[in-house]
PDB file of N, CA and C in Angstrom:
ATOM      1  N   MET A   1       6.603 -15.548 -18.218  1.00  0.00           N
ATOM      2  CA  MET A   1       5.720 -14.962 -17.231  1.00  0.00           C
ATOM      3  C   MET A   1       4.608 -14.224 -17.990  1.00  0.00           C
ATOM      4  N   ASN A   2       3.357 -14.514 -17.643  1.00  0.00           N
ATOM      5  CA  ASN A   2       2.277 -13.826 -18.347  1.00  0.00           C
ATOM      6  C   ASN A   2       2.051 -12.443 -17.750  1.00  0.00           C
ATOM      7  N   CYS A   3       1.261 -11.626 -18.446  1.00  0.00           N
ATOM      8  CA  CYS A   3       1.069 -10.227 -18.054  1.00  0.00           C
ATOM      9  C   CYS A   3       0.435 -10.083 -16.677  1.00  0.00           C
ATOM     10  N   LEU A   4      -0.541 -10.931 -16.356  1.00  0.00           N
ATOM     11  CA  LEU A   4      -1.219 -10.827 -15.065  1.00  0.00           C
ATOM     12  C   LEU A   4      -0.238 -11.065 -13.923  1.00  0.00           C
ATOM     13  N   VAL A   5       0.615 -12.055 -14.062  1.00  0.00           N
ATOM     14  CA  VAL A   5       1.601 -12.343 -13.029  1.00  0.00           C
ATOM     15  C   VAL A   5       2.590 -11.188 -12.920  1.00  0.00           C
ATOM     16  N   LEU A   6       3.020 -10.638 -14.051  1.00  0.00           N
ATOM     17  CA  LEU A   6       3.959  -9.523 -14.042  1.00  0.00           C
ATOM     18  C   LEU A   6       3.350  -8.320 -13.331  1.00  0.00           C
ATOM     19  N   ILE A   7       2.093  -8.007 -13.611  1.00  0.00           N
ATOM     20  CA  ILE A   7       1.416  -6.894 -12.947  1.00  0.00           C
ATOM     21  C   ILE A   7       1.352  -7.139 -11.441  1.00  0.00           C
ATOM     22  N   ALA A   8       1.045  -8.360 -11.042  1.00  0.00           N
ATOM     23  CA  ALA A   8       0.962  -8.690  -9.618  1.00  0.00           C
ATOM     24  C   ALA A   8       2.313  -8.514  -8.933  1.00  0.00           C
ATOM     25  N   VAL A   9       3.392  -8.923  -9.586  1.00  0.00           N
ATOM     26  CA  VAL A   9       4.729  -8.801  -9.010  1.00  0.00           C
ATOM     27  C   VAL A   9       5.126  -7.337  -8.887  1.00  0.00           C
ATOM     28  N   VAL A  10       4.872  -6.543  -9.919  1.00  0.00           N
ATOM     29  CA  VAL A  10       5.217  -5.129  -9.886  1.00  0.00           C
ATOM     30  C   VAL A  10       4.422  -4.417  -8.802  1.00  0.00           C
ATOM     31  N   GLY A  11       3.116  -4.681  -8.699  1.00  0.00           N
ATOM     32  CA  GLY A  11       2.286  -4.074  -7.663  1.00  0.00           C
ATOM     33  C   GLY A  11       2.719  -4.482  -6.275  1.00  0.00           C
ATOM     34  N   GLN A  12       3.236  -5.680  -6.150  1.00  0.00           N
ATOM     35  CA  GLN A  12       3.685  -6.177  -4.855  1.00  0.00           C
ATOM     36  C   GLN A  12       4.855  -5.360  -4.331  1.00  0.00           C
ATOM     37  N   LYS A  13       5.641  -4.742  -5.217  1.00  0.00           N
ATOM     38  CA  LYS A  13       6.767  -3.915  -4.776  1.00  0.00           C
ATOM     39  C   LYS A  13       6.277  -2.746  -3.930  1.00  0.00           C
ATOM     40  N   VAL A  14       5.170  -2.130  -4.328  1.00  0.00           N
ATOM     41  CA  VAL A  14       4.618  -1.001  -3.583  1.00  0.00           C
ATOM     42  C   VAL A  14       4.121  -1.479  -2.220  1.00  0.00           C
ATOM     43  N   LEU A  15       3.413  -2.591  -2.203  1.00  0.00           N
ATOM     44  CA  LEU A  15       2.911  -3.147  -0.944  1.00  0.00           C
ATOM     45  C   LEU A  15       4.063  -3.535  -0.019  1.00  0.00           C
ATOM     46  N   SER A  16       5.085  -4.142  -0.578  1.00  0.00           N
ATOM     47  CA  SER A  16       6.241  -4.560   0.229  1.00  0.00           C
ATOM     48  C   SER A  16       6.977  -3.358   0.802  1.00  0.00           C
ATOM     49  N   ALA A  17       7.157  -2.317  -0.005  1.00  0.00           N
ATOM     50  CA  ALA A  17       7.846  -1.116   0.473  1.00  0.00           C
ATOM     51  C   ALA A  17       7.078  -0.491   1.632  1.00  0.00           C
ATOM     52  N   ALA A  18       5.754  -0.469   1.539  1.00  0.00           N
ATOM     53  CA  ALA A  18       4.926   0.081   2.620  1.00  0.00           C
ATOM     54  C   ALA A  18       5.049  -0.763   3.880  1.00  0.00           C
ATOM     55  N   GLN A  19       5.018  -2.073   3.705  1.00  0.00           N
ATOM     56  CA  GLN A  19       5.118  -2.975   4.853  1.00  0.00           C
ATOM     57  C   GLN A  19       6.482  -2.864   5.527  1.00  0.00           C
ATOM     58  N   GLU A  20       7.525  -2.671   4.729  1.00  0.00           N
ATOM     59  CA  GLU A  20       8.883  -2.590   5.269  1.00  0.00           C
ATOM     60  C   GLU A  20       9.234  -1.197   5.788  1.00  0.00           C
ATOM     61  N   GLY A  21       8.372  -0.225   5.526  1.00  0.00           N
ATOM     62  CA  GLY A  21       8.638   1.128   6.005  1.00  0.00           C
ATOM     63  C   GLY A  21       9.624   1.898   5.154  1.00  0.00           C
ATOM     64  N   ASP A  22       9.753   1.536   3.891  1.00  0.00           N
ATOM     65  CA  ASP A  22      10.731   2.154   2.993  1.00  0.00           C
ATOM     66  C   ASP A  22      10.097   3.325   2.236  1.00  0.00           C
ATOM     67  N   VAL A  23      10.084   4.496   2.867  1.00  0.00           N
ATOM     68  CA  VAL A  23       9.462   5.678   2.280  1.00  0.00           C
ATOM     69  C   VAL A  23      10.187   6.104   1.007  1.00  0.00           C
ATOM     70  N   VAL A  24      11.514   5.992   0.980  1.00  0.00           N
ATOM     71  CA  VAL A  24      12.280   6.386  -0.207  1.00  0.00           C
ATOM     72  C   VAL A  24      11.866   5.536  -1.408  1.00  0.00           C
ATOM     73  N   LEU A  25      11.769   4.230  -1.229  1.00  0.00           N
ATOM     74  CA  LEU A  25      11.346   3.358  -2.324  1.00  0.00           C
ATOM     75  C   LEU A  25       9.904   3.641  -2.721  1.00  0.00           C
ATOM     76  N   LEU A  26       9.039   3.863  -1.742  1.00  0.00           N
ATOM     77  CA  LEU A  26       7.646   4.212  -2.053  1.00  0.00           C
ATOM     78  C   LEU A  26       7.586   5.454  -2.930  1.00  0.00           C
ATOM     79  N   GLN A  27       8.350   6.472  -2.567  1.00  0.00           N
ATOM     80  CA  GLN A  27       8.357   7.706  -3.339  1.00  0.00           C
ATOM     81  C   GLN A  27       8.857   7.449  -4.754  1.00  0.00           C
ATOM     82  N   GLN A  28       9.896   6.644  -4.909  1.00  0.00           N
ATOM     83  CA  GLN A  28      10.421   6.308  -6.233  1.00  0.00           C
ATOM     84  C   GLN A  28       9.368   5.567  -7.055  1.00  0.00           C
ATOM     85  N   LEU A  29       8.694   4.613  -6.442  1.00  0.00           N
ATOM     86  CA  LEU A  29       7.689   3.839  -7.160  1.00  0.00           C
ATOM     87  C   LEU A  29       6.508   4.715  -7.578  1.00  0.00           C
ATOM     88  N   LEU A  30       6.058   5.583  -6.686  1.00  0.00           N
ATOM     89  CA  LEU A  30       4.945   6.470  -7.021  1.00  0.00           C
ATOM     90  C   LEU A  30       5.360   7.461  -8.103  1.00  0.00           C
ATOM     91  N   ASN A  31       6.591   7.978  -8.014  1.00  0.00           N
ATOM     92  CA  ASN A  31       7.085   8.903  -9.037  1.00  0.00           C
ATOM     93  C   ASN A  31       7.240   8.237 -10.395  1.00  0.00           C
ATOM     94  N   SER A  32       7.428   6.920 -10.406  1.00  0.00           N
ATOM     95  CA  SER A  32       7.584   6.208 -11.671  1.00  0.00           C
ATOM     96  C   SER A  32       6.250   5.740 -12.247  1.00  0.00           C
ATOM     97  N   GLY A  33       5.148   6.127 -11.599  1.00  0.00           N
ATOM     98  CA  GLY A  33       3.837   5.849 -12.174  1.00  0.00           C
ATOM     99  C   GLY A  33       2.961   4.851 -11.447  1.00  0.00           C
ATOM    100  N   HIS A  34       3.458   4.287 -10.374  1.00  0.00           N
ATOM    101  CA  HIS A  34       2.623   3.362  -9.609  1.00  0.00           C
ATOM    102  C   HIS A  34       1.538   4.122  -8.867  1.00  0.00           C
ATOM    103  N   SER A  35       0.430   3.475  -8.637  1.00  0.00           N
ATOM    104  CA  SER A  35      -0.681   4.097  -7.923  1.00  0.00           C
ATOM    105  C   SER A  35      -0.505   3.914  -6.423  1.00  0.00           C
ATOM    106  N   VAL A  36      -0.812   4.961  -5.686  1.00  0.00           N
ATOM    107  CA  VAL A  36      -0.776   4.901  -4.229  1.00  0.00           C
ATOM    108  C   VAL A  36      -1.853   3.948  -3.705  1.00  0.00           C
ATOM    109  N   ASN A  37      -2.829   3.624  -4.543  1.00  0.00           N
ATOM    110  CA  ASN A  37      -3.941   2.758  -4.140  1.00  0.00           C
ATOM    111  C   ASN A  37      -3.905   1.384  -4.804  1.00  0.00           C
ATOM    112  N   GLU A  38      -2.723   0.942  -5.246  1.00  0.00           N
ATOM    113  CA  GLU A  38      -2.619  -0.392  -5.828  1.00  0.00           C
ATOM    114  C   GLU A  38      -3.071  -1.433  -4.814  1.00  0.00           C
ATOM    115  N   THR A  39      -3.668  -2.495  -5.309  1.00  0.00           N
ATOM    116  CA  THR A  39      -4.127  -3.558  -4.414  1.00  0.00           C
ATOM    117  C   THR A  39      -3.597  -4.908  -4.866  1.00  0.00           C
ATOM    118  N   ASN A  40      -3.590  -5.844  -3.942  1.00  0.00           N
ATOM    119  CA  ASN A  40      -3.297  -7.222  -4.312  1.00  0.00           C
ATOM    120  C   ASN A  40      -4.620  -7.971  -4.468  1.00  0.00           C
ATOM    121  N   PHE A  41      -4.559  -9.273  -4.561  1.00  0.00           N
ATOM    122  CA  PHE A  41      -5.763 -10.069  -4.795  1.00  0.00           C
ATOM    123  C   PHE A  41      -6.741 -10.040  -3.619  1.00  0.00           C
ATOM    124  N   ASP A  42      -6.274  -9.648  -2.444  1.00  0.00           N
ATOM    125  CA  ASP A  42      -7.133  -9.556  -1.260  1.00  0.00           C
ATOM    126  C   ASP A  42      -7.609  -8.127  -1.007  1.00  0.00           C
ATOM    127  N   CYS A  43      -7.411  -7.248  -1.984  1.00  0.00           N
ATOM    128  CA  CYS A  43      -7.796  -5.833  -1.872  1.00  0.00           C
ATOM    129  C   CYS A  43      -6.990  -5.084  -0.814  1.00  0.00           C
ATOM    130  N   VAL A  44      -5.806  -5.563  -0.520  1.00  0.00           N
ATOM    131  CA  VAL A  44      -4.914  -4.899   0.430  1.00  0.00           C
ATOM    132  C   VAL A  44      -4.157  -3.803  -0.324  1.00  0.00           C
ATOM    133  N   THR A  45      -4.115  -2.608   0.263  1.00  0.00           N
ATOM    134  CA  THR A  45      -3.417  -1.477  -0.337  1.00  0.00           C
ATOM    135  C   THR A  45      -2.116  -1.201   0.421  1.00  0.00           C
ATOM    136  N   PRO A  46      -1.252  -0.359  -0.129  1.00  0.00           N
ATOM    137  CA  PRO A  46      -0.051   0.031   0.624  1.00  0.00           C
ATOM    138  C   PRO A  46      -0.397   0.659   1.974  1.00  0.00           C
ATOM    139  N   LEU A  47      -1.479   1.415   2.033  1.00  0.00           N
ATOM    140  CA  LEU A  47      -1.885   2.019   3.304  1.00  0.00           C
ATOM    141  C   LEU A  47      -2.255   0.944   4.330  1.00  0.00           C
ATOM    142  N   HIS A  48      -2.957  -0.093   3.887  1.00  0.00           N
ATOM    143  CA  HIS A  48      -3.257  -1.211   4.792  1.00  0.00           C
ATOM    144  C   HIS A  48      -1.962  -1.815   5.331  1.00  0.00           C
ATOM    145  N   GLU A  49      -1.026  -2.086   4.412  1.00  0.00           N
ATOM    146  CA  GLU A  49       0.233  -2.726   4.811  1.00  0.00           C
ATOM    147  C   GLU A  49       0.989  -1.862   5.817  1.00  0.00           C
ATOM    148  N   ALA A  50       1.060  -0.556   5.546  1.00  0.00           N
ATOM    149  CA  ALA A  50       1.779   0.338   6.449  1.00  0.00           C
ATOM    150  C   ALA A  50       1.108   0.379   7.824  1.00  0.00           C
ATOM    151  N   CYS A  51      -0.211   0.400   7.843  1.00  0.00           N
ATOM    152  CA  CYS A  51      -0.932   0.395   9.122  1.00  0.00           C
ATOM    153  C   CYS A  51      -0.730  -0.912   9.871  1.00  0.00           C
ATOM    154  N   LEU A  52      -0.866  -2.022   9.165  1.00  0.00           N
ATOM    155  CA  LEU A  52      -0.708  -3.329   9.808  1.00  0.00           C
ATOM    156  C   LEU A  52       0.684  -3.515  10.397  1.00  0.00           C
ATOM    157  N   ALA A  53       1.692  -2.894   9.754  1.00  0.00           N
ATOM    158  CA  ALA A  53       3.073  -3.020  10.217  1.00  0.00           C
ATOM    159  C   ALA A  53       3.483  -1.873  11.143  1.00  0.00           C
ATOM    160  N   SER A  54       2.539  -0.998  11.488  1.00  0.00           N
ATOM    161  CA  SER A  54       2.807   0.157  12.357  1.00  0.00           C
ATOM    162  C   SER A  54       3.935   1.031  11.821  1.00  0.00           C
ATOM    163  N   ARG A  55       3.909   1.294  10.526  1.00  0.00           N
ATOM    164  CA  ARG A  55       4.913   2.134   9.860  1.00  0.00           C
ATOM    165  C   ARG A  55       4.351   3.555   9.724  1.00  0.00           C
ATOM    166  N   LEU A  56       4.398   4.306  10.810  1.00  0.00           N
ATOM    167  CA  LEU A  56       3.781   5.626  10.872  1.00  0.00           C
ATOM    168  C   LEU A  56       4.288   6.564   9.773  1.00  0.00           C
ATOM    169  N   GLU A  57       5.598   6.572   9.543  1.00  0.00           N
ATOM    170  CA  GLU A  57       6.147   7.453   8.510  1.00  0.00           C
ATOM    171  C   GLU A  57       5.567   7.108   7.135  1.00  0.00           C
ATOM    172  N   CYS A  58       5.406   5.829   6.856  1.00  0.00           N
ATOM    173  CA  CYS A  58       4.809   5.410   5.582  1.00  0.00           C
ATOM    174  C   CYS A  58       3.328   5.772   5.536  1.00  0.00           C
ATOM    175  N   VAL A  59       2.626   5.598   6.643  1.00  0.00           N
ATOM    176  CA  VAL A  59       1.212   5.964   6.693  1.00  0.00           C
ATOM    177  C   VAL A  59       1.067   7.444   6.368  1.00  0.00           C
ATOM    178  N   GLN A  60       1.873   8.270   7.005  1.00  0.00           N
ATOM    179  CA  GLN A  60       1.816   9.712   6.754  1.00  0.00           C
ATOM    180  C   GLN A  60       2.134  10.031   5.301  1.00  0.00           C
ATOM    181  N   PHE A  61       3.187   9.418   4.761  1.00  0.00           N
ATOM    182  CA  PHE A  61       3.571   9.655   3.373  1.00  0.00           C
ATOM    183  C   PHE A  61       2.462   9.237   2.410  1.00  0.00           C
ATOM    184  N   LEU A  62       1.890   8.067   2.635  1.00  0.00           N
ATOM    185  CA  LEU A  62       0.827   7.574   1.757  1.00  0.00           C
ATOM    186  C   LEU A  62      -0.407   8.473   1.815  1.00  0.00           C
ATOM    187  N   LEU A  63      -0.763   8.934   3.002  1.00  0.00           N
ATOM    188  CA  LEU A  63      -1.909   9.841   3.130  1.00  0.00           C
ATOM    189  C   LEU A  63      -1.642  11.157   2.406  1.00  0.00           C
ATOM    190  N   LEU A  64      -0.443  11.699   2.565  1.00  0.00           N
ATOM    191  CA  LEU A  64      -0.082  12.935   1.870  1.00  0.00           C
ATOM    192  C   LEU A  64      -0.004  12.741   0.353  1.00  0.00           C
ATOM    193  N   SER A  65       0.224  11.506  -0.065  1.00  0.00           N
ATOM    194  CA  SER A  65       0.301  11.181  -1.496  1.00  0.00           C
ATOM    195  C   SER A  65      -1.055  10.846  -2.089  1.00  0.00           C
ATOM    196  N   GLY A  66      -2.106  10.922  -1.279  1.00  0.00           N
ATOM    197  CA  GLY A  66      -3.458  10.723  -1.788  1.00  0.00           C
ATOM    198  C   GLY A  66      -4.046   9.342  -1.598  1.00  0.00           C
ATOM    199  N   ALA A  67      -3.498   8.562  -0.690  1.00  0.00           N
ATOM    200  CA  ALA A  67      -4.055   7.232  -0.435  1.00  0.00           C
ATOM    201  C   ALA A  67      -5.521   7.350  -0.019  1.00  0.00           C
ATOM    202  N   ASN A  68      -6.325   6.472  -0.552  1.00  0.00           N
ATOM    203  CA  ASN A  68      -7.763   6.476  -0.297  1.00  0.00           C
ATOM    204  C   ASN A  68      -8.051   5.695   0.988  1.00  0.00           C
ATOM    205  N   VAL A  69      -8.486   6.395   2.017  1.00  0.00           N
ATOM    206  CA  VAL A  69      -8.788   5.731   3.290  1.00  0.00           C
ATOM    207  C   VAL A  69     -10.124   5.003   3.248  1.00  0.00           C
ATOM    208  N   SER A  70     -10.892   5.188   2.193  1.00  0.00           N
ATOM    209  CA  SER A  70     -12.193   4.515   2.070  1.00  0.00           C
ATOM    210  C   SER A  70     -12.078   3.109   1.505  1.00  0.00           C
ATOM    211  N   LEU A  71     -10.934   2.771   0.929  1.00  0.00           N
ATOM    212  CA  LEU A  71     -10.761   1.413   0.413  1.00  0.00           C
ATOM    213  C   LEU A  71     -10.672   0.467   1.593  1.00  0.00           C
ATOM    214  N   SER A  72     -11.402  -0.622   1.531  1.00  0.00           N
ATOM    215  CA  SER A  72     -11.429  -1.524   2.680  1.00  0.00           C
ATOM    216  C   SER A  72     -10.971  -2.919   2.296  1.00  0.00           C
ATOM    217  N   LEU A  73     -10.460  -3.613   3.286  1.00  0.00           N
ATOM    218  CA  LEU A  73     -10.118  -5.017   3.124  1.00  0.00           C
ATOM    219  C   LEU A  73     -11.402  -5.812   2.973  1.00  0.00           C
ATOM    220  N   SER A  74     -11.318  -6.931   2.314  1.00  0.00           N
ATOM    221  CA  SER A  74     -12.499  -7.764   2.152  1.00  0.00           C
ATOM    222  C   SER A  74     -13.044  -8.240   3.495  1.00  0.00           C
ATOM    223  N   MET A  75     -12.204  -8.229   4.540  1.00  0.00           N
ATOM    224  CA  MET A  75     -12.644  -8.724   5.842  1.00  0.00           C
ATOM    225  C   MET A  75     -13.103  -7.622   6.785  1.00  0.00           C
ATOM    226  N   SER A  76     -12.988  -6.360   6.383  1.00  0.00           N
ATOM    227  CA  SER A  76     -13.362  -5.268   7.281  1.00  0.00           C
ATOM    228  C   SER A  76     -13.790  -4.043   6.494  1.00  0.00           C
ATOM    229  N   SER A  77     -14.684  -3.275   7.064  1.00  0.00           N
ATOM    230  CA  SER A  77     -15.105  -2.054   6.410  1.00  0.00           C
ATOM    231  C   SER A  77     -14.336  -0.839   6.917  1.00  0.00           C
ATOM    232  N   ASP A  78     -13.452  -1.021   7.888  1.00  0.00           N
ATOM    233  CA  ASP A  78     -12.763   0.112   8.479  1.00  0.00           C
ATOM    234  C   ASP A  78     -11.258  -0.130   8.534  1.00  0.00           C
ATOM    235  N   LEU A  79     -10.535   0.623   7.729  1.00  0.00           N
ATOM    236  CA  LEU A  79      -9.081   0.499   7.678  1.00  0.00           C
ATOM    237  C   LEU A  79      -8.455   0.739   9.041  1.00  0.00           C
ATOM    238  N   PHE A  80      -8.951   1.712   9.770  1.00  0.00           N
ATOM    239  CA  PHE A  80      -8.281   2.120  10.996  1.00  0.00           C
ATOM    240  C   PHE A  80      -8.481   1.133  12.150  1.00  0.00           C
ATOM    241  N   VAL A  81      -9.328   0.129  11.967  1.00  0.00           N
ATOM    242  CA  VAL A  81      -9.410  -0.956  12.938  1.00  0.00           C
ATOM    243  C   VAL A  81      -8.055  -1.654  13.010  1.00  0.00           C
ATOM    244  N   PHE A  82      -7.342  -1.676  11.881  1.00  0.00           N
ATOM    245  CA  PHE A  82      -6.068  -2.387  11.795  1.00  0.00           C
ATOM    246  C   PHE A  82      -4.871  -1.509  12.109  1.00  0.00           C
ATOM    247  N   CYS A  83      -5.069  -0.220  12.231  1.00  0.00           N
ATOM    248  CA  CYS A  83      -3.946   0.697  12.403  1.00  0.00           C
ATOM    249  C   CYS A  83      -3.633   0.875  13.875  1.00  0.00           C
ATOM    250  N   SER A  84      -2.426   0.520  14.257  1.00  0.00           N
ATOM    251  CA  SER A  84      -2.015   0.682  15.651  1.00  0.00           C
ATOM    252  C   SER A  84      -0.991   1.805  15.782  1.00  0.00           C
ATOM    253  N   CYS A  85      -0.883   2.635  14.753  1.00  0.00           N
ATOM    254  CA  CYS A  85       0.098   3.737  14.769  1.00  0.00           C
ATOM    255  C   CYS A  85      -0.310   4.802  15.755  1.00  0.00           C
TER     256      CYS A  85
END
């Protein structure tokens, strides 16, 4: 596995935890050095994933952890268009 693929897989753990609503795992990942603003190839962040999945507890945790609400998806300039929390 090359480094780029490994980085993508590791970053995907943060996005997946946000999408699944796993605040405990998110906290562990952030405490171990992951960025609250990690993105995938589509510029999706954990905050996007939590909003899209209506994971209010994760949204709150990510915001309190310093998630950048100004980061936008390539398809939209407004994160909160996608948030149904």
